[in-house]
Amino acid sequence: MCYIVPVICPIIQYTAVRMYRKRIARLIYIALTAYIFVPIVVGIIQIFAYGVSIVNMAMAVVSILMYVFSYLDINDTVEKAQRVQMHELREERRSMKRLFDQTATAFVTAVEKKDSFSVGTSERVADCAKRIAEIYGKSAEECDEIYYAALLHDVGRIGIADNLIDKNPMSRMYR
């Protein structure tokens, strides 16, 4: 009985593990299978080599394997979660950049509606400022900051009354 129960019970356990195989991670499945079958094999060996108790040693080895495989599985899960999170953060950053770009463009359009003479000026100033920043070796992030600062350099004109903004630059020459 002492030799049959340790062989039969793990086989029953394996049927449950096999039934839920799709829900169990690959490395955990390998560890569970080893945890079940290594003692069986060692128990059978012990039956033929009576008196040598290697079942306990096998259980210790399998327990260590279970720990190692569990650690590896958890590590894989954490790495996958980190990759997903980094991808989501990059997408969110792109989305925020698009939103900022649209907002800046809306402000520039509003400024240009007040004075038709300045249409396109903000964009040209921003492009020029960005090129200068690139020439001076600024990082891509700094170049973008400089670009948007230059793009929005006239945004304060929105608050100025229309009658104060001279829409005809030629009229300035004859004063």
N, C-alpha and C. Protein backbone atom coordinates (compact mmCIF):
# COMPACT_ATOMS: atom_id res chain seq x y z
N MET A 1 0.82 -1.19 0.00
CA MET A 1 0.00 0.00 0.00
C MET A 1 0.88 1.27 0.00
N CYS A 2 1.98 1.23 0.72
CA CYS A 2 2.87 2.39 0.80
C CYS A 2 3.51 2.70 -0.55
N TYR A 3 3.60 1.70 -1.41
CA TYR A 3 4.20 1.94 -2.72
C TYR A 3 3.16 2.21 -3.81
N ILE A 4 1.96 1.73 -3.64
CA ILE A 4 0.93 1.89 -4.66
C ILE A 4 0.28 3.27 -4.58
N VAL A 5 -0.07 3.74 -3.39
CA VAL A 5 -0.73 5.04 -3.22
C VAL A 5 0.12 6.18 -3.78
N PRO A 6 1.43 6.23 -3.50
CA PRO A 6 2.22 7.33 -4.07
C PRO A 6 2.31 7.28 -5.59
N VAL A 7 1.98 6.16 -6.20
CA VAL A 7 2.01 6.06 -7.66
C VAL A 7 0.64 6.38 -8.25
N ILE A 8 -0.44 5.91 -7.64
CA ILE A 8 -1.79 6.09 -8.17
C ILE A 8 -2.29 7.53 -7.96
N CYS A 9 -2.10 8.10 -6.78
CA CYS A 9 -2.60 9.45 -6.49
C CYS A 9 -2.05 10.52 -7.43
N PRO A 10 -0.77 10.54 -7.72
CA PRO A 10 -0.28 11.54 -8.67
C PRO A 10 -0.87 11.39 -10.08
N ILE A 11 -1.16 10.15 -10.47
CA ILE A 11 -1.78 9.96 -11.79
C ILE A 11 -3.17 10.60 -11.81
N ILE A 12 -3.90 10.48 -10.71
CA ILE A 12 -5.21 11.14 -10.60
C ILE A 12 -5.03 12.66 -10.63
N GLN A 13 -4.01 13.15 -9.95
CA GLN A 13 -3.73 14.59 -9.98
C GLN A 13 -3.43 15.05 -11.40
N TYR A 14 -2.69 14.25 -12.13
CA TYR A 14 -2.31 14.63 -13.49
C TYR A 14 -3.54 14.77 -14.39
N THR A 15 -4.56 13.94 -14.18
CA THR A 15 -5.77 14.07 -15.00
C THR A 15 -6.41 15.45 -14.80
N ALA A 16 -6.39 15.97 -13.56
CA ALA A 16 -6.92 17.31 -13.30
C ALA A 16 -6.05 18.38 -13.95
N VAL A 17 -4.73 18.22 -13.86
CA VAL A 17 -3.82 19.18 -14.48
C VAL A 17 -4.01 19.17 -16.00
N ARG A 18 -4.14 18.00 -16.56
CA ARG A 18 -4.33 17.86 -18.02
C ARG A 18 -5.65 18.50 -18.46
N MET A 19 -6.68 18.37 -17.63
CA MET A 19 -7.99 18.92 -17.96
C MET A 19 -7.93 20.45 -18.05
N TYR A 20 -7.14 21.08 -17.19
CA TYR A 20 -7.05 22.54 -17.15
C TYR A 20 -5.77 23.06 -17.82
N ARG A 21 -5.20 22.31 -18.71
CA ARG A 21 -3.92 22.66 -19.33
C ARG A 21 -3.95 24.02 -20.03
N LYS A 22 -5.05 24.34 -20.69
CA LYS A 22 -5.12 25.60 -21.44
C LYS A 22 -5.15 26.82 -20.51
N ARG A 23 -5.54 26.63 -19.28
CA ARG A 23 -5.58 27.74 -18.31
C ARG A 23 -4.27 27.91 -17.57
N ILE A 24 -3.38 26.96 -17.71
CA ILE A 24 -2.11 26.97 -16.98
C ILE A 24 -1.00 27.40 -17.93
N ALA A 25 -0.14 28.27 -17.47
CA ALA A 25 1.00 28.71 -18.28
C ALA A 25 1.90 27.51 -18.61
N ARG A 26 2.60 27.61 -19.73
CA ARG A 26 3.42 26.50 -20.23
C ARG A 26 4.46 26.04 -19.21
N LEU A 27 5.20 26.97 -18.63
CA LEU A 27 6.24 26.59 -17.67
C LEU A 27 5.65 26.00 -16.40
N ILE A 28 4.52 26.51 -15.97
CA ILE A 28 3.86 25.97 -14.79
C ILE A 28 3.36 24.55 -15.10
N TYR A 29 2.85 24.35 -16.30
CA TYR A 29 2.39 23.01 -16.69
C TYR A 29 3.56 22.02 -16.65
N ILE A 30 4.70 22.42 -17.17
CA ILE A 30 5.89 21.55 -17.15
C ILE A 30 6.28 21.23 -15.71
N ALA A 31 6.27 22.25 -14.85
CA ALA A 31 6.64 22.04 -13.45
C ALA A 31 5.65 21.11 -12.75
N LEU A 32 4.38 21.30 -12.99
CA LEU A 32 3.38 20.43 -12.37
C LEU A 32 3.52 18.99 -12.86
N THR A 33 3.75 18.84 -14.15
CA THR A 33 3.93 17.49 -14.70
C THR A 33 5.16 16.83 -14.08
N ALA A 34 6.24 17.57 -13.95
CA ALA A 34 7.45 17.03 -13.31
C ALA A 34 7.16 16.72 -11.84
N TYR A 35 6.43 17.59 -11.19
CA TYR A 35 6.09 17.40 -9.77
C TYR A 35 5.28 16.13 -9.56
N ILE A 36 4.51 15.77 -10.57
CA ILE A 36 3.68 14.57 -10.47
C ILE A 36 4.45 13.31 -10.87
N PHE A 37 5.17 13.36 -12.00
CA PHE A 37 5.73 12.13 -12.54
C PHE A 37 7.13 11.76 -12.02
N VAL A 38 7.92 12.73 -11.64
CA VAL A 38 9.25 12.39 -11.13
C VAL A 38 9.15 11.53 -9.87
N PRO A 39 8.30 11.86 -8.91
CA PRO A 39 8.17 10.97 -7.74
C PRO A 39 7.65 9.57 -8.11
N ILE A 40 6.79 9.49 -9.12
CA ILE A 40 6.29 8.17 -9.55
C ILE A 40 7.44 7.32 -10.06
N VAL A 41 8.24 7.92 -10.94
CA VAL A 41 9.38 7.19 -11.51
C VAL A 41 10.34 6.79 -10.40
N VAL A 42 10.61 7.72 -9.51
CA VAL A 42 11.53 7.43 -8.41
C VAL A 42 10.93 6.38 -7.47
N GLY A 43 9.60 6.43 -7.25
CA GLY A 43 8.94 5.42 -6.43
C GLY A 43 9.05 4.04 -7.04
N ILE A 44 8.92 3.97 -8.36
CA ILE A 44 9.06 2.68 -9.05
C ILE A 44 10.50 2.18 -8.92
N ILE A 45 11.45 3.09 -9.08
CA ILE A 45 12.86 2.70 -8.91
C ILE A 45 13.10 2.20 -7.49
N GLN A 46 12.47 2.89 -6.52
CA GLN A 46 12.65 2.51 -5.12
C GLN A 46 12.08 1.11 -4.86
N ILE A 47 10.98 0.78 -5.55
CA ILE A 47 10.41 -0.56 -5.37
C ILE A 47 11.44 -1.62 -5.72
N PHE A 48 12.19 -1.39 -6.80
CA PHE A 48 13.18 -2.38 -7.23
C PHE A 48 14.50 -2.27 -6.44
N ALA A 49 14.77 -1.12 -5.94
CA ALA A 49 16.00 -0.96 -5.14
C ALA A 49 15.59 -0.75 -3.69
N TYR A 50 14.88 -1.68 -3.12
CA TYR A 50 14.31 -1.59 -1.79
C TYR A 50 15.34 -1.11 -0.77
N GLY A 51 14.88 -0.21 0.05
CA GLY A 51 15.73 0.28 1.12
C GLY A 51 16.37 1.62 0.79
N VAL A 52 16.46 2.00 -0.47
CA VAL A 52 17.04 3.28 -0.85
C VAL A 52 15.90 4.29 -0.93
N SER A 53 15.93 5.31 -0.12
CA SER A 53 14.84 6.29 -0.09
C SER A 53 15.21 7.51 -0.91
N ILE A 54 14.97 7.39 -2.19
CA ILE A 54 15.26 8.53 -3.07
C ILE A 54 14.01 9.32 -3.41
N VAL A 55 12.85 8.87 -2.96
CA VAL A 55 11.60 9.60 -3.22
C VAL A 55 11.65 10.97 -2.58
N ASN A 56 12.11 11.07 -1.35
CA ASN A 56 12.19 12.37 -0.67
C ASN A 56 13.15 13.31 -1.39
N MET A 57 14.25 12.76 -1.86
CA MET A 57 15.20 13.60 -2.61
C MET A 57 14.56 14.08 -3.90
N ALA A 58 13.82 13.20 -4.56
CA ALA A 58 13.15 13.58 -5.80
C ALA A 58 12.11 14.66 -5.54
N MET A 59 11.37 14.55 -4.44
CA MET A 59 10.38 15.57 -4.10
C MET A 59 11.05 16.93 -3.87
N ALA A 60 12.20 16.93 -3.24
CA ALA A 60 12.92 18.18 -3.02
C ALA A 60 13.37 18.78 -4.36
N VAL A 61 13.90 17.94 -5.25
CA VAL A 61 14.34 18.43 -6.56
C VAL A 61 13.16 18.98 -7.35
N VAL A 62 12.05 18.26 -7.33
CA VAL A 62 10.87 18.71 -8.06
C VAL A 62 10.31 20.00 -7.45
N SER A 63 10.36 20.14 -6.15
CA SER A 63 9.90 21.37 -5.50
C SER A 63 10.76 22.56 -5.95
N ILE A 64 12.05 22.35 -6.04
CA ILE A 64 12.94 23.41 -6.53
C ILE A 64 12.61 23.75 -7.97
N LEU A 65 12.36 22.73 -8.79
CA LEU A 65 11.98 22.99 -10.19
C LEU A 65 10.67 23.78 -10.25
N MET A 66 9.72 23.44 -9.39
CA MET A 66 8.44 24.16 -9.36
C MET A 66 8.68 25.63 -9.05
N TYR A 67 9.55 25.91 -8.10
CA TYR A 67 9.88 27.30 -7.75
C TYR A 67 10.52 28.01 -8.93
N VAL A 68 11.49 27.38 -9.56
CA VAL A 68 12.20 28.00 -10.69
C VAL A 68 11.24 28.26 -11.84
N PHE A 69 10.43 27.27 -12.21
CA PHE A 69 9.49 27.46 -13.31
C PHE A 69 8.43 28.50 -12.98
N SER A 70 7.99 28.55 -11.74
CA SER A 70 7.03 29.59 -11.33
C SER A 70 7.65 30.96 -11.47
N TYR A 71 8.89 31.08 -11.02
CA TYR A 71 9.60 32.36 -11.15
C TYR A 71 9.74 32.77 -12.61
N LEU A 72 10.11 31.83 -13.47
CA LEU A 72 10.26 32.14 -14.89
C LEU A 72 8.92 32.55 -15.51
N ASP A 73 7.85 31.87 -15.13
CA ASP A 73 6.53 32.21 -15.65
C ASP A 73 6.10 33.60 -15.20
N ILE A 74 6.31 33.90 -13.93
CA ILE A 74 5.96 35.23 -13.42
C ILE A 74 6.79 36.30 -14.12
N ASN A 75 8.05 36.02 -14.34
CA ASN A 75 8.92 36.96 -15.04
C ASN A 75 8.42 37.22 -16.45
N ASP A 76 8.03 36.16 -17.17
CA ASP A 76 7.48 36.34 -18.52
C ASP A 76 6.22 37.19 -18.50
N THR A 77 5.35 36.93 -17.52
CA THR A 77 4.11 37.68 -17.40
C THR A 77 4.38 39.16 -17.13
N VAL A 78 5.33 39.44 -16.26
CA VAL A 78 5.67 40.83 -15.94
C VAL A 78 6.27 41.52 -17.17
N GLU A 79 7.13 40.84 -17.90
CA GLU A 79 7.72 41.44 -19.09
C GLU A 79 6.66 41.74 -20.15
N LYS A 80 5.72 40.83 -20.33
CA LYS A 80 4.63 41.07 -21.29
C LYS A 80 3.80 42.27 -20.86
N ALA A 81 3.47 42.34 -19.58
CA ALA A 81 2.68 43.46 -19.06
C ALA A 81 3.43 44.77 -19.24
N GLN A 82 4.75 44.76 -19.04
CA GLN A 82 5.54 45.97 -19.22
C GLN A 82 5.54 46.40 -20.68
N ARG A 83 5.68 45.45 -21.60
CA ARG A 83 5.65 45.80 -23.03
C ARG A 83 4.31 46.41 -23.42
N VAL A 84 3.22 45.83 -22.92
CA VAL A 84 1.89 46.37 -23.22
C VAL A 84 1.75 47.78 -22.66
N GLN A 85 2.20 47.97 -21.44
CA GLN A 85 2.09 49.28 -20.80
C GLN A 85 2.94 50.33 -21.54
N MET A 86 4.14 49.96 -21.95
CA MET A 86 5.00 50.89 -22.69
C MET A 86 4.35 51.26 -24.03
N HIS A 87 3.75 50.29 -24.70
CA HIS A 87 3.06 50.56 -25.96
C HIS A 87 1.90 51.54 -25.74
N GLU A 88 1.13 51.31 -24.68
CA GLU A 88 0.01 52.20 -24.37
C GLU A 88 0.50 53.61 -24.04
N LEU A 89 1.61 53.72 -23.32
CA LEU A 89 2.16 55.04 -22.99
C LEU A 89 2.62 55.77 -24.24
N ARG A 90 3.26 55.03 -25.18
CA ARG A 90 3.69 55.67 -26.43
C ARG A 90 2.48 56.15 -27.23
N GLU A 91 1.44 55.33 -27.28
CA GLU A 91 0.22 55.73 -28.00
C GLU A 91 -0.42 56.95 -27.35
N GLU A 92 -0.44 56.98 -26.02
CA GLU A 92 -1.01 58.12 -25.31
C GLU A 92 -0.19 59.38 -25.57
N ARG A 93 1.12 59.23 -25.61
CA ARG A 93 1.99 60.38 -25.88
C ARG A 93 1.75 60.92 -27.29
N ARG A 94 1.62 60.01 -28.27
CA ARG A 94 1.33 60.45 -29.64
C ARG A 94 -0.01 61.17 -29.70
N SER A 95 -0.99 60.64 -28.99
CA SER A 95 -2.31 61.24 -28.96
C SER A 95 -2.25 62.65 -28.35
N MET A 96 -1.52 62.78 -27.24
CA MET A 96 -1.38 64.10 -26.61
C MET A 96 -0.66 65.08 -27.53
N LYS A 97 0.34 64.60 -28.25
CA LYS A 97 1.07 65.46 -29.18
C LYS A 97 0.14 65.94 -30.30
N ARG A 98 -0.69 65.01 -30.81
CA ARG A 98 -1.65 65.40 -31.86
C ARG A 98 -2.63 66.44 -31.33
N LEU A 99 -3.13 66.23 -30.10
CA LEU A 99 -4.06 67.17 -29.51
C LEU A 99 -3.41 68.54 -29.33
N PHE A 100 -2.17 68.56 -28.86
CA PHE A 100 -1.47 69.83 -28.69
C PHE A 100 -1.26 70.51 -30.04
N ASP A 101 -0.90 69.72 -31.04
CA ASP A 101 -0.69 70.27 -32.38
C ASP A 101 -1.99 70.89 -32.92
N GLN A 102 -3.10 70.19 -32.71
CA GLN A 102 -4.39 70.72 -33.17
C GLN A 102 -4.77 71.99 -32.43
N THR A 103 -4.51 72.03 -31.14
CA THR A 103 -4.81 73.21 -30.34
C THR A 103 -3.95 74.39 -30.79
N ALA A 104 -2.67 74.15 -30.98
CA ALA A 104 -1.77 75.22 -31.44
C ALA A 104 -2.20 75.73 -32.81
N THR A 105 -2.58 74.82 -33.69
CA THR A 105 -3.03 75.21 -35.03
C THR A 105 -4.31 76.04 -34.94
N ALA A 106 -5.20 75.68 -34.03
CA ALA A 106 -6.44 76.46 -33.84
C ALA A 106 -6.12 77.87 -33.36
N PHE A 107 -5.18 77.99 -32.43
CA PHE A 107 -4.79 79.33 -31.96
C PHE A 107 -4.19 80.15 -33.09
N VAL A 108 -3.32 79.55 -33.87
CA VAL A 108 -2.68 80.26 -34.98
C VAL A 108 -3.74 80.69 -36.00
N THR A 109 -4.67 79.82 -36.29
CA THR A 109 -5.75 80.17 -37.23
C THR A 109 -6.56 81.34 -36.70
N ALA A 110 -6.85 81.35 -35.40
CA ALA A 110 -7.61 82.45 -34.79
C ALA A 110 -6.84 83.76 -34.90
N VAL A 111 -5.54 83.71 -34.67
CA VAL A 111 -4.71 84.93 -34.78
C VAL A 111 -4.71 85.42 -36.22
N GLU A 112 -4.56 84.50 -37.17
CA GLU A 112 -4.48 84.89 -38.58
C GLU A 112 -5.80 85.43 -39.10
N LYS A 113 -6.91 85.05 -38.50
CA LYS A 113 -8.23 85.59 -38.90
C LYS A 113 -8.35 87.06 -38.54
N LYS A 114 -7.65 87.49 -37.49
CA LYS A 114 -7.72 88.90 -37.08
C LYS A 114 -6.95 89.81 -38.04
N ASP A 115 -5.91 89.26 -38.65
CA ASP A 115 -5.06 90.09 -39.52
C ASP A 115 -4.67 89.26 -40.74
N SER A 116 -5.29 89.50 -41.85
CA SER A 116 -5.03 88.71 -43.06
C SER A 116 -3.60 88.88 -43.57
N PHE A 117 -2.95 89.97 -43.20
CA PHE A 117 -1.58 90.20 -43.64
C PHE A 117 -0.61 89.18 -43.02
N SER A 118 -0.95 88.69 -41.84
CA SER A 118 -0.03 87.78 -41.15
C SER A 118 -0.30 86.30 -41.44
N VAL A 119 -1.16 85.99 -42.40
CA VAL A 119 -1.47 84.60 -42.71
C VAL A 119 -0.19 83.87 -43.15
N GLY A 120 0.11 82.77 -42.47
CA GLY A 120 1.28 81.95 -42.79
C GLY A 120 2.55 82.38 -42.10
N THR A 121 2.56 83.57 -41.50
CA THR A 121 3.77 84.07 -40.85
C THR A 121 4.18 83.19 -39.68
N SER A 122 3.23 82.81 -38.85
CA SER A 122 3.56 82.00 -37.67
C SER A 122 4.18 80.67 -38.09
N GLU A 123 3.64 80.07 -39.12
CA GLU A 123 4.18 78.78 -39.59
C GLU A 123 5.59 78.95 -40.14
N ARG A 124 5.82 80.02 -40.89
CA ARG A 124 7.16 80.26 -41.44
C ARG A 124 8.16 80.55 -40.33
N VAL A 125 7.77 81.34 -39.33
CA VAL A 125 8.64 81.65 -38.20
C VAL A 125 8.96 80.36 -37.43
N ALA A 126 7.95 79.52 -37.21
CA ALA A 126 8.14 78.27 -36.48
C ALA A 126 9.09 77.34 -37.23
N ASP A 127 8.91 77.22 -38.55
CA ASP A 127 9.80 76.37 -39.34
C ASP A 127 11.24 76.87 -39.29
N CYS A 128 11.40 78.16 -39.41
CA CYS A 128 12.74 78.76 -39.37
C CYS A 128 13.39 78.54 -38.00
N ALA A 129 12.62 78.74 -36.94
CA ALA A 129 13.16 78.56 -35.59
C ALA A 129 13.57 77.11 -35.36
N LYS A 130 12.77 76.19 -35.86
CA LYS A 130 13.09 74.77 -35.70
C LYS A 130 14.36 74.41 -36.47
N ARG A 131 14.50 74.93 -37.68
CA ARG A 131 15.72 74.66 -38.46
C ARG A 131 16.96 75.21 -37.76
N ILE A 132 16.84 76.39 -37.19
CA ILE A 132 17.98 76.98 -36.46
C ILE A 132 18.33 76.11 -35.26
N ALA A 133 17.30 75.64 -34.53
CA ALA A 133 17.54 74.76 -33.37
C ALA A 133 18.23 73.47 -33.80
N GLU A 134 17.82 72.91 -34.93
CA GLU A 134 18.44 71.68 -35.44
C GLU A 134 19.90 71.93 -35.82
N ILE A 135 20.17 73.08 -36.44
CA ILE A 135 21.53 73.43 -36.83
C ILE A 135 22.43 73.53 -35.60
N TYR A 136 21.88 74.08 -34.52
CA TYR A 136 22.66 74.22 -33.30
C TYR A 136 22.70 72.96 -32.45
N GLY A 137 22.20 71.84 -32.99
CA GLY A 137 22.34 70.54 -32.34
C GLY A 137 21.39 70.28 -31.19
N LYS A 138 20.27 70.94 -31.16
CA LYS A 138 19.29 70.69 -30.10
C LYS A 138 18.64 69.32 -30.33
N SER A 139 18.15 68.73 -29.25
CA SER A 139 17.48 67.42 -29.35
C SER A 139 16.14 67.59 -30.07
N ALA A 140 15.58 66.48 -30.51
CA ALA A 140 14.29 66.52 -31.22
C ALA A 140 13.21 67.11 -30.32
N GLU A 141 13.24 66.79 -29.05
CA GLU A 141 12.25 67.32 -28.12
C GLU A 141 12.40 68.83 -27.96
N GLU A 142 13.65 69.31 -27.85
CA GLU A 142 13.88 70.75 -27.73
C GLU A 142 13.48 71.47 -29.02
N CYS A 143 13.74 70.85 -30.16
CA CYS A 143 13.36 71.44 -31.44
C CYS A 143 11.85 71.58 -31.54
N ASP A 144 11.12 70.58 -31.06
CA ASP A 144 9.65 70.66 -31.06
C ASP A 144 9.17 71.77 -30.14
N GLU A 145 9.78 71.89 -28.96
CA GLU A 145 9.40 72.97 -28.03
C GLU A 145 9.64 74.34 -28.67
N ILE A 146 10.77 74.49 -29.32
CA ILE A 146 11.10 75.76 -29.98
C ILE A 146 10.12 76.02 -31.11
N TYR A 147 9.78 74.98 -31.86
CA TYR A 147 8.83 75.10 -32.97
C TYR A 147 7.49 75.64 -32.46
N TYR A 148 6.96 75.01 -31.39
CA TYR A 148 5.65 75.43 -30.89
C TYR A 148 5.70 76.81 -30.23
N ALA A 149 6.81 77.12 -29.57
CA ALA A 149 6.94 78.47 -28.99
C ALA A 149 6.92 79.52 -30.10
N ALA A 150 7.63 79.25 -31.19
CA ALA A 150 7.64 80.19 -32.31
C ALA A 150 6.29 80.23 -33.01
N LEU A 151 5.64 79.08 -33.11
CA LEU A 151 4.33 79.02 -33.76
C LEU A 151 3.31 79.87 -33.01
N LEU A 152 3.42 79.88 -31.70
CA LEU A 152 2.45 80.60 -30.87
C LEU A 152 2.93 81.99 -30.45
N HIS A 153 3.96 82.51 -31.11
CA HIS A 153 4.53 83.78 -30.66
C HIS A 153 3.56 84.96 -30.79
N ASP A 154 2.58 84.87 -31.67
CA ASP A 154 1.62 85.96 -31.85
C ASP A 154 0.28 85.72 -31.18
N VAL A 155 0.18 84.69 -30.35
CA VAL A 155 -1.12 84.31 -29.79
C VAL A 155 -1.73 85.43 -28.93
N GLY A 156 -0.91 86.28 -28.39
CA GLY A 156 -1.40 87.39 -27.57
C GLY A 156 -2.23 88.40 -28.36
N ARG A 157 -2.09 88.38 -29.67
CA ARG A 157 -2.85 89.31 -30.51
C ARG A 157 -4.34 89.01 -30.49
N ILE A 158 -4.72 87.82 -30.02
CA ILE A 158 -6.14 87.49 -29.97
C ILE A 158 -6.87 88.44 -29.02
N GLY A 159 -6.21 88.83 -27.94
CA GLY A 159 -6.84 89.70 -26.95
C GLY A 159 -6.83 91.18 -27.32
N ILE A 160 -6.20 91.54 -28.42
CA ILE A 160 -6.14 92.95 -28.82
C ILE A 160 -7.36 93.27 -29.69
N ALA A 161 -7.96 94.39 -29.45
CA ALA A 161 -9.15 94.80 -30.22
C ALA A 161 -8.80 94.92 -31.70
N ASP A 162 -9.78 94.61 -32.54
CA ASP A 162 -9.56 94.64 -34.00
C ASP A 162 -9.19 96.03 -34.50
N ASN A 163 -9.75 97.07 -33.93
CA ASN A 163 -9.46 98.42 -34.41
C ASN A 163 -8.02 98.85 -34.09
N LEU A 164 -7.35 98.16 -33.15
CA LEU A 164 -5.97 98.50 -32.82
C LEU A 164 -4.97 97.79 -33.75
N ILE A 165 -5.41 96.73 -34.39
CA ILE A 165 -4.52 96.00 -35.30
C ILE A 165 -4.72 96.59 -36.69
N ASP A 166 -3.65 97.13 -37.24
CA ASP A 166 -3.71 97.74 -38.56
C ASP A 166 -3.68 96.63 -39.59
N LYS A 167 -4.78 96.41 -40.28
CA LYS A 167 -4.87 95.30 -41.22
C LYS A 167 -4.23 95.63 -42.56
N ASN A 168 -3.98 96.87 -42.82
CA ASN A 168 -3.39 97.25 -44.10
C ASN A 168 -2.00 97.82 -43.85
N PRO A 169 -0.97 97.08 -44.15
CA PRO A 169 0.39 97.57 -43.86
C PRO A 169 0.78 98.77 -44.72
N MET A 170 0.13 98.94 -45.85
CA MET A 170 0.47 100.07 -46.74
C MET A 170 0.03 101.39 -46.10
N SER A 171 -1.03 101.36 -45.30
CA SER A 171 -1.52 102.60 -44.68
C SER A 171 -0.52 103.12 -43.65
N ARG A 172 0.33 102.27 -43.13
CA ARG A 172 1.33 102.69 -42.15
C ARG A 172 2.40 103.59 -42.81
N MET A 173 2.62 103.34 -44.09
CA MET A 173 3.68 104.08 -44.78
C MET A 173 3.30 105.54 -44.99
N TYR A 174 2.03 105.86 -45.04
CA TYR A 174 1.60 107.22 -45.35
C TYR A 174 1.23 108.04 -44.14
N ARG A 175 1.56 107.61 -42.97
CA ARG A 175 1.27 108.37 -41.74
C ARG A 175 2.39 109.28 -41.40
